[in-house]
Amino acid sequence: MRLIQTFEDLKNLCLELQTKEFITLDTEFVREKTYFPKLCLIQVGYREDAAIIDPMAHNLNLEPFFDVLQNENVLKVVHSGRQDIEIFYNLTGKTPKPVFDTQIAASVCGFGRSIGYGALVEAITKTELDKTSRLTDWSLRPLDEKQLEYALRDVTFLIFCYDYLKQYLKDHNRESWIEEETKELLDPKLYENDPDTAWLKIKHSAHSGRFLSALKELAAWRERRAMKYNVPKRSIIKDEALVAIASSLPKTMEELKQVRNIRSDIIGGKLATEILEVLDSARHSSITSDLRKIEKERHVKIPCGAMALTEVLKLLLKIKCDQEGVIETVVGGEEDIKNLACGNDKDNPLLTGWRYELFGKDALAFRKGIASLSYDTIEKKVVVNIKGKLK
């Protein structure tokens, strides 16, 4: 067990890592009681060895490892790496590069859109991983050998997964298929928390301009407060309460008390005062049409005339995905198909890159009326017939 807890050992490890073609990478963290995740362990693996870095060790400077993350000659292999990348972005202001995410790769290799690490390992190596330590509080010290061995498996078996998926992508000429998803995964904007867009994550059924304006301001206030004090948003006030407040728009403390889902400890305290101030500000601000437009774009309403085409495109997607061994939801979701059927082509992922080649161009041909389906009794497969050219 190679456990790194001193700066000298970390420097020596990183000198090794800097020479590798690729390393496998994972982290353990906790965030139940904080807004930002607290980094507890960093696991790294390579063909010859593996190690665990303890970022909670006394005065351990992680700069040598951060340098490895930015070395473009060393590929970082992760599985479902968004949260890991978020942690490093919060610590350094940069995303690691380059990166190969085995969950993204698996999604175009017939394993499904969001296959878990354990399931992928079992499918590829026929090994069932021990899950007894998965609920460990990784912030506690000391960690026993069983817990550390459990953490290390997250990078040792990842090597086999990487080798298999890399070869599959090469053999099926799909290496470019994951480039777009990986590029999106490494976009710093994905990890920048913008309080002004926090309201978009809250479910609700009201759509008036005044309601949306109040909800936007309340959600932004809660987001900034959670970031400032590094506490979970739900510990400040839950989504249901924000929606209820935005719906009723109380002006006084007495009116606020009457709102449903408000905790008793909020009323009469500092939070209640801040909530009323936010509402007062929202009440005096102009209601822009932008909020209604954004809200409308979140819910695609399909005309009756396009409903049949939507069903045809769903069938076409199923046919193409069955033939290529790709999960349908990896290519596109129902909203993307509805938009395509309605002619809402701008920024539609079905019309770019490999998705266009696999499905989008045929879908456009059906929309234009120059495509049909037939069954090849010799090849035993459905064939898309296109007569004419797409403009």
Protein backbone atom coordinates (compact mmCIF):
# COMPACT_ATOMS: atom_id res chain seq x y z
CA MET A 1 0.00 0.00 0.00
CA ARG A 2 1.65 3.24 -1.16
CA LEU A 3 0.17 6.00 0.96
CA ILE A 4 1.51 9.50 0.28
CA GLN A 5 1.40 11.80 3.32
CA THR A 6 4.59 13.86 3.01
CA PHE A 7 5.67 16.46 0.47
CA GLU A 8 8.88 14.56 -0.31
CA ASP A 9 6.98 11.37 -1.13
CA LEU A 10 4.50 13.37 -3.22
CA LYS A 11 7.29 14.96 -5.26
CA ASN A 12 8.85 11.55 -5.95
CA LEU A 13 5.50 10.09 -6.98
CA CYS A 14 4.76 13.00 -9.29
CA LEU A 15 8.17 12.67 -10.96
CA GLU A 16 7.10 9.15 -11.88
CA LEU A 17 3.64 10.24 -13.02
CA GLN A 18 5.08 12.93 -15.28
CA THR A 19 6.73 10.18 -17.39
CA LYS A 20 3.60 8.09 -17.95
CA GLU A 21 1.52 7.90 -21.12
CA PHE A 22 -1.60 7.80 -18.96
CA ILE A 23 -2.66 7.61 -15.34
CA THR A 24 -5.98 6.55 -13.83
CA LEU A 25 -7.49 9.01 -11.40
CA ASP A 26 -10.23 9.09 -8.78
CA THR A 27 -11.03 11.02 -5.61
CA GLU A 28 -12.94 10.47 -2.39
CA PHE A 29 -14.72 13.45 -0.89
CA VAL A 30 -17.57 14.50 1.36
CA ARG A 31 -20.04 17.33 0.79
CA GLU A 32 -23.11 16.49 2.86
CA LYS A 33 -22.46 19.42 5.18
CA THR A 34 -20.79 21.84 2.77
CA TYR A 35 -21.51 23.66 -0.48
CA PHE A 36 -18.09 22.83 -1.95
CA PRO A 37 -16.84 19.23 -1.81
CA LYS A 38 -14.10 18.51 0.73
CA LEU A 39 -11.27 16.52 -0.84
CA CYS A 40 -10.28 13.55 1.33
CA LEU A 41 -8.27 11.19 -0.90
CA ILE A 42 -6.68 11.17 -4.35
CA GLN A 43 -6.10 7.79 -5.95
CA VAL A 44 -3.78 7.43 -8.92
CA GLY A 45 -2.82 4.35 -10.87
CA TYR A 46 -0.55 3.40 -13.76
CA ARG A 47 0.56 0.13 -15.28
CA GLU A 48 3.41 -0.49 -12.86
CA ASP A 49 1.90 0.71 -9.57
CA ALA A 50 -0.77 2.74 -7.79
CA ALA A 51 -0.82 5.15 -4.88
CA ILE A 52 -3.12 7.07 -2.57
CA ILE A 53 -2.44 10.72 -1.79
CA ASP A 54 -3.83 12.01 1.50
CA PRO A 55 -4.64 15.70 0.96
CA MET A 56 -5.66 15.94 4.62
CA ALA A 57 -2.12 15.12 5.77
CA HIS A 58 -0.55 17.93 7.78
CA ASN A 59 0.64 20.81 5.55
CA LEU A 60 0.74 18.66 2.40
CA ASN A 61 1.25 20.94 -0.61
CA LEU A 62 -0.46 19.43 -3.64
CA GLU A 63 1.22 21.65 -6.24
CA PRO A 64 3.38 18.83 -7.71
CA PHE A 65 0.23 16.82 -8.39
CA PHE A 66 -1.57 19.82 -9.85
CA ASP A 67 1.33 20.11 -12.30
CA VAL A 68 0.68 16.52 -13.39
CA LEU A 69 -2.96 17.35 -14.01
CA GLN A 70 -1.90 20.10 -16.43
CA ASN A 71 0.72 18.01 -18.26
CA GLU A 72 -0.79 17.53 -21.72
CA ASN A 73 1.54 14.58 -22.38
CA VAL A 74 -0.08 12.55 -19.60
CA LEU A 75 -3.63 11.37 -20.27
CA LYS A 76 -5.88 11.37 -17.19
CA VAL A 77 -8.33 8.45 -17.22
CA VAL A 78 -11.42 8.86 -15.02
CA HIS A 79 -14.84 7.28 -14.67
CA SER A 80 -17.77 9.68 -14.44
CA GLY A 81 -15.20 12.35 -13.72
CA ARG A 82 -17.35 15.47 -13.45
CA GLN A 83 -17.22 15.67 -9.65
CA ASP A 84 -13.50 14.90 -9.58
CA ILE A 85 -12.84 17.61 -12.14
CA GLU A 86 -15.04 20.03 -10.18
CA ILE A 87 -12.87 19.48 -7.10
CA PHE A 88 -9.65 20.21 -8.96
CA TYR A 89 -11.21 23.20 -10.68
CA ASN A 90 -12.23 24.64 -7.31
CA LEU A 91 -8.68 24.14 -6.02
CA THR A 92 -6.73 25.37 -9.05
CA GLY A 93 -9.10 27.32 -11.28
CA LYS A 94 -8.24 24.91 -14.11
CA THR A 95 -9.63 21.64 -15.42
CA PRO A 96 -7.22 18.70 -15.92
CA LYS A 97 -6.15 17.97 -19.48
CA PRO A 98 -6.25 15.79 -21.44
CA VAL A 99 -8.94 13.47 -20.06
CA PHE A 100 -10.50 10.14 -21.09
CA ASP A 101 -13.76 9.40 -19.27
CA THR A 102 -14.59 5.69 -19.36
CA GLN A 103 -18.27 6.37 -18.66
CA ILE A 104 -18.48 8.61 -21.71
CA ALA A 105 -16.57 6.07 -23.80
CA ALA A 106 -18.73 3.21 -22.55
CA SER A 107 -21.86 5.10 -23.61
CA VAL A 108 -20.93 4.74 -27.29
CA CYS A 109 -19.65 1.19 -26.88
CA GLY A 110 -23.02 -0.34 -26.02
CA PHE A 111 -22.81 -0.18 -22.21
CA GLY A 112 -25.51 2.44 -21.67
CA ARG A 113 -25.48 6.14 -20.96
CA SER A 114 -24.49 6.21 -17.29
CA ILE A 115 -23.06 2.81 -16.39
CA GLY A 116 -21.52 2.72 -12.93
CA TYR A 117 -17.88 1.86 -12.32
CA GLY A 118 -18.59 -1.46 -10.62
CA ALA A 119 -20.91 -2.59 -13.39
CA LEU A 120 -18.39 -1.61 -16.07
CA VAL A 121 -15.56 -3.44 -14.29
CA GLU A 122 -17.72 -6.56 -13.96
CA ALA A 123 -18.78 -6.40 -17.63
CA ILE A 124 -15.21 -6.05 -18.89
CA THR A 125 -13.12 -8.03 -16.38
CA LYS A 126 -15.77 -10.41 -14.95
CA THR A 127 -14.71 -9.25 -11.49
CA GLU A 128 -17.28 -8.17 -8.90
CA LEU A 129 -15.86 -5.42 -6.72
CA ASP A 130 -16.28 -5.46 -2.95
CA LYS A 131 -18.69 -2.68 -1.94
CA THR A 132 -18.51 -2.98 1.84
CA SER A 133 -16.56 0.27 2.28
CA ARG A 134 -18.57 2.43 -0.13
CA LEU A 135 -20.33 4.31 2.69
CA THR A 136 -17.08 5.25 4.43
CA ASP A 137 -16.74 8.75 5.84
CA TRP A 138 -13.50 9.54 4.03
CA SER A 139 -12.88 12.64 6.14
CA LEU A 140 -12.20 10.54 9.25
CA ARG A 141 -8.67 9.56 10.25
CA PRO A 142 -7.11 7.07 10.47
CA LEU A 143 -8.47 4.99 7.59
CA ASP A 144 -7.86 1.26 7.89
CA GLU A 145 -6.16 -0.90 5.28
CA LYS A 146 -9.45 -2.36 4.02
CA GLN A 147 -10.82 1.13 3.31
CA LEU A 148 -7.63 2.17 1.51
CA GLU A 149 -7.62 -1.00 -0.58
CA TYR A 150 -11.25 -0.33 -1.52
CA ALA A 151 -10.33 3.20 -2.64
CA LEU A 152 -7.36 1.92 -4.64
CA ARG A 153 -9.54 -0.47 -6.67
CA ASP A 154 -11.20 2.59 -8.20
CA VAL A 155 -8.04 3.20 -10.21
CA THR A 156 -6.43 -0.23 -10.58
CA PHE A 157 -9.33 -1.87 -12.44
CA LEU A 158 -9.83 1.35 -14.38
CA ILE A 159 -6.71 0.46 -16.37
CA PHE A 160 -8.39 -2.66 -17.80
CA CYS A 161 -11.52 -0.66 -18.63
CA TYR A 162 -9.47 1.98 -20.42
CA ASP A 163 -7.56 -0.59 -22.48
CA TYR A 164 -10.76 -2.35 -23.55
CA LEU A 165 -12.70 0.82 -24.42
CA LYS A 166 -9.80 2.41 -26.24
CA GLN A 167 -9.44 -0.65 -28.46
CA TYR A 168 -13.21 -0.87 -29.05
CA LEU A 169 -13.38 2.77 -30.12
CA LYS A 170 -10.46 2.24 -32.48
CA ASP A 171 -11.87 -0.97 -33.97
CA HIS A 172 -15.27 0.62 -34.59
CA ASN A 173 -13.91 3.98 -35.76
CA ARG A 174 -15.63 5.85 -32.91
CA GLU A 175 -12.71 7.67 -31.35
CA SER A 176 -14.08 11.01 -32.55
CA TRP A 177 -17.52 10.23 -31.09
CA ILE A 178 -16.47 11.05 -27.55
CA GLU A 179 -14.52 14.19 -28.39
CA GLU A 180 -17.55 16.52 -28.11
CA GLU A 181 -18.64 15.09 -24.75
CA THR A 182 -15.12 15.25 -23.38
CA LYS A 183 -14.71 18.83 -24.55
CA GLU A 184 -17.91 19.74 -22.73
CA LEU A 185 -16.71 17.91 -19.60
CA LEU A 186 -13.55 20.04 -19.53
CA ASP A 187 -15.28 23.37 -20.19
CA PRO A 188 -14.58 25.61 -17.17
CA LYS A 189 -18.06 27.14 -17.54
CA LEU A 190 -19.48 23.80 -16.39
CA TYR A 191 -17.88 24.33 -12.97
CA GLU A 192 -18.52 28.04 -12.53
CA ASN A 193 -21.46 28.49 -10.19
CA ASP A 194 -23.54 31.38 -11.50
CA PRO A 195 -26.11 32.44 -8.88
CA ASP A 196 -28.19 34.20 -11.53
CA THR A 197 -28.95 30.88 -13.25
CA ALA A 198 -29.67 28.89 -10.07
CA TRP A 199 -33.44 29.32 -10.54
CA LEU A 200 -33.34 27.17 -13.67
CA LYS A 201 -32.69 24.09 -11.50
CA ILE A 202 -35.84 24.57 -9.42
CA LYS A 203 -39.00 22.68 -10.40
CA HIS A 204 -42.25 24.65 -10.40
CA SER A 205 -45.56 24.97 -12.23
CA ALA A 206 -46.11 28.76 -12.19
CA HIS A 207 -44.94 30.87 -15.13
CA SER A 208 -45.92 34.51 -14.55
CA GLY A 209 -43.28 37.17 -15.04
CA ARG A 210 -43.55 38.41 -11.45
CA PHE A 211 -43.17 34.88 -10.08
CA LEU A 212 -40.15 34.12 -12.28
CA SER A 213 -38.49 37.40 -11.30
CA ALA A 214 -38.95 36.68 -7.59
CA LEU A 215 -37.79 33.07 -7.93
CA LYS A 216 -34.69 34.14 -9.83
CA GLU A 217 -33.71 36.66 -7.14
CA LEU A 218 -34.46 34.28 -4.26
CA ALA A 219 -32.46 31.46 -5.83
CA ALA A 220 -29.51 33.77 -6.49
CA TRP A 221 -29.60 35.02 -2.89
CA ARG A 222 -29.60 31.46 -1.54
CA GLU A 223 -26.78 30.41 -3.87
CA ARG A 224 -24.54 33.31 -2.81
CA ARG A 225 -25.24 32.67 0.85
CA ALA A 226 -24.44 28.97 0.50
CA MET A 227 -21.17 29.76 -1.29
CA LYS A 228 -20.17 32.43 1.24
CA TYR A 229 -20.67 30.19 4.28
CA ASN A 230 -19.86 26.91 2.48
CA VAL A 231 -23.10 25.23 3.53
CA PRO A 232 -25.61 23.15 1.51
CA LYS A 233 -28.38 25.19 -0.12
CA ARG A 234 -31.06 22.99 1.43
CA SER A 235 -29.79 23.88 4.92
CA ILE A 236 -30.64 27.52 4.23
CA ILE A 237 -34.06 26.98 2.70
CA LYS A 238 -35.48 24.23 0.50
CA ASP A 239 -36.68 24.57 -3.09
CA GLU A 240 -40.34 24.07 -2.17
CA ALA A 241 -40.17 26.98 0.24
CA LEU A 242 -38.58 29.26 -2.37
CA VAL A 243 -41.33 28.40 -4.85
CA ALA A 244 -44.02 29.08 -2.22
CA ILE A 245 -42.48 32.44 -1.31
CA ALA A 246 -42.13 33.48 -4.97
CA SER A 247 -45.77 32.51 -5.54
CA SER A 248 -47.20 34.48 -2.60
CA LEU A 249 -44.75 37.42 -2.64
CA PRO A 250 -45.14 38.38 1.07
CA LYS A 251 -44.39 42.00 1.97
CA THR A 252 -44.29 41.72 5.76
CA MET A 253 -43.07 39.30 8.38
CA GLU A 254 -46.66 38.38 9.19
CA GLU A 255 -47.36 37.52 5.57
CA LEU A 256 -44.14 35.51 5.37
CA LYS A 257 -45.26 33.44 8.37
CA GLN A 258 -48.33 32.35 6.42
CA VAL A 259 -46.32 30.87 3.55
CA ARG A 260 -46.29 27.09 3.36
CA ASN A 261 -43.08 25.07 3.85
CA ILE A 262 -41.33 27.82 5.86
CA ARG A 263 -39.35 26.46 8.80
CA SER A 264 -40.17 28.01 12.14
CA ASP A 265 -36.52 28.88 12.81
CA ILE A 266 -36.45 31.10 9.70
CA ILE A 267 -39.31 33.33 10.81
CA GLY A 268 -38.18 36.23 12.93
CA GLY A 269 -34.51 35.64 12.23
CA LYS A 270 -31.91 37.07 9.90
CA LEU A 271 -32.97 34.85 7.01
CA ALA A 272 -36.52 36.19 7.09
CA THR A 273 -35.23 39.76 6.94
CA GLU A 274 -33.00 38.95 4.00
CA ILE A 275 -35.84 37.18 2.17
CA LEU A 276 -38.11 40.20 2.50
CA GLU A 277 -35.33 42.48 1.26
CA VAL A 278 -34.81 40.24 -1.79
CA LEU A 279 -38.51 40.27 -2.54
CA ASP A 280 -38.68 44.04 -2.19
CA SER A 281 -35.85 44.38 -4.68
CA ALA A 282 -37.51 41.96 -7.10
CA ARG A 283 -40.83 43.77 -6.74
CA HIS A 284 -39.30 47.08 -7.83
CA SER A 285 -37.27 45.66 -10.68
CA SER A 286 -38.60 45.55 -14.22
CA ILE A 287 -39.94 42.23 -15.45
CA THR A 288 -38.11 41.34 -18.64
CA SER A 289 -39.44 39.14 -21.39
CA ASP A 290 -36.15 37.23 -21.26
CA LEU A 291 -37.28 35.23 -18.23
CA ARG A 292 -40.50 34.17 -19.93
CA LYS A 293 -38.54 33.28 -23.06
CA ILE A 294 -36.08 31.14 -21.13
CA GLU A 295 -38.92 29.46 -19.29
CA LYS A 296 -40.76 28.77 -22.53
CA GLU A 297 -37.68 27.27 -24.16
CA ARG A 298 -37.31 24.81 -21.29
CA HIS A 299 -40.55 23.12 -22.31
CA VAL A 300 -40.92 22.20 -25.96
CA LYS A 301 -44.57 22.33 -27.01
CA ILE A 302 -45.06 20.32 -30.12
CA PRO A 303 -47.75 21.22 -32.69
CA CYS A 304 -50.26 18.49 -33.51
CA GLY A 305 -48.94 18.32 -37.06
CA ALA A 306 -45.45 17.37 -35.86
CA MET A 307 -46.51 14.67 -33.41
CA ALA A 308 -46.57 11.91 -36.03
CA LEU A 309 -43.12 12.93 -37.31
CA THR A 310 -41.80 12.82 -33.75
CA GLU A 311 -42.93 9.20 -33.44
CA VAL A 312 -41.35 8.35 -36.80
CA LEU A 313 -38.05 9.92 -35.69
CA LYS A 314 -38.14 7.96 -32.43
CA LEU A 315 -38.53 4.76 -34.44
CA LEU A 316 -35.71 5.80 -36.77
CA LEU A 317 -33.45 6.50 -33.78
CA LYS A 318 -34.19 3.06 -32.34
CA ILE A 319 -33.39 1.38 -35.65
CA LYS A 320 -30.11 3.23 -36.13
CA CYS A 321 -29.00 2.65 -32.53
CA ASP A 322 -29.85 -1.06 -32.65
CA GLN A 323 -27.74 -1.41 -35.80
CA GLU A 324 -24.78 0.48 -34.33
CA GLY A 325 -24.95 -0.95 -30.80
CA VAL A 326 -25.48 2.46 -29.21
CA ILE A 327 -27.99 3.35 -26.49
CA GLU A 328 -30.68 5.71 -27.82
CA THR A 329 -30.46 8.21 -24.96
CA VAL A 330 -26.75 8.63 -25.66
CA VAL A 331 -27.56 10.02 -29.10
CA GLY A 332 -30.34 12.34 -28.00
CA GLY A 333 -33.27 12.85 -25.68
CA GLU A 334 -36.95 13.29 -26.39
CA GLU A 335 -36.71 17.09 -26.25
CA ASP A 336 -34.01 17.03 -28.94
CA ILE A 337 -36.23 14.88 -31.19
CA LYS A 338 -39.24 17.13 -30.61
CA ASN A 339 -37.20 20.20 -31.51
CA LEU A 340 -35.98 18.52 -34.68
CA ALA A 341 -39.52 17.54 -35.66
CA CYS A 342 -40.68 21.13 -35.11
CA GLY A 343 -37.83 22.62 -37.13
CA ASN A 344 -36.02 24.07 -34.11
CA ASP A 345 -32.57 23.22 -35.46
CA LYS A 346 -30.45 25.85 -33.74
CA ASP A 347 -28.02 24.32 -31.21
CA ASN A 348 -29.68 20.91 -31.57
CA PRO A 349 -27.03 18.29 -30.67
CA LEU A 350 -28.60 15.85 -33.13
CA LEU A 351 -27.36 18.03 -35.97
CA THR A 352 -23.68 18.17 -35.06
CA GLY A 353 -20.73 15.79 -35.17
CA TRP A 354 -21.18 12.04 -34.98
CA ARG A 355 -24.84 12.36 -33.95
CA TYR A 356 -25.57 14.01 -37.26
CA GLU A 357 -23.79 11.25 -39.17
CA LEU A 358 -25.51 8.49 -37.19
CA PHE A 359 -29.02 9.92 -37.04
CA GLY A 360 -29.44 13.62 -37.75
CA LYS A 361 -29.00 13.61 -41.51
CA ASP A 362 -31.49 10.75 -41.94
CA ALA A 363 -33.91 12.49 -39.59
CA LEU A 364 -33.72 15.65 -41.69
CA ALA A 365 -34.38 13.57 -44.80
CA PHE A 366 -37.57 12.23 -43.24
CA ARG A 367 -38.64 15.73 -42.27
CA LYS A 368 -38.04 16.87 -45.83
CA GLY A 369 -40.00 13.93 -47.22
CA ILE A 370 -37.18 12.33 -49.22
CA ALA A 371 -36.65 9.27 -47.02
CA SER A 372 -38.38 5.95 -46.44
CA LEU A 373 -37.79 2.66 -44.64
CA SER A 374 -37.60 -0.81 -46.15
CA TYR A 375 -36.57 -4.24 -44.90
CA ASP A 376 -33.72 -6.10 -46.56
CA THR A 377 -34.69 -9.78 -46.39
CA ILE A 378 -31.18 -10.89 -47.33
CA GLU A 379 -29.24 -8.70 -44.88
CA LYS A 380 -32.05 -9.06 -42.32
CA LYS A 381 -32.11 -5.39 -41.44
CA VAL A 382 -34.09 -2.20 -41.91
CA VAL A 383 -32.66 0.13 -44.56
CA VAL A 384 -33.09 3.90 -44.80
CA ASN A 385 -33.72 4.94 -48.41
CA ILE A 386 -33.04 8.55 -49.35
CA LYS A 387 -34.12 10.01 -52.70
CA GLY A 388 -32.78 13.47 -53.21
CA LYS A 389 -30.31 15.74 -51.48
CA LEU A 390 -30.43 17.75 -48.29
CA LYS A 391 -29.86 21.46 -48.78
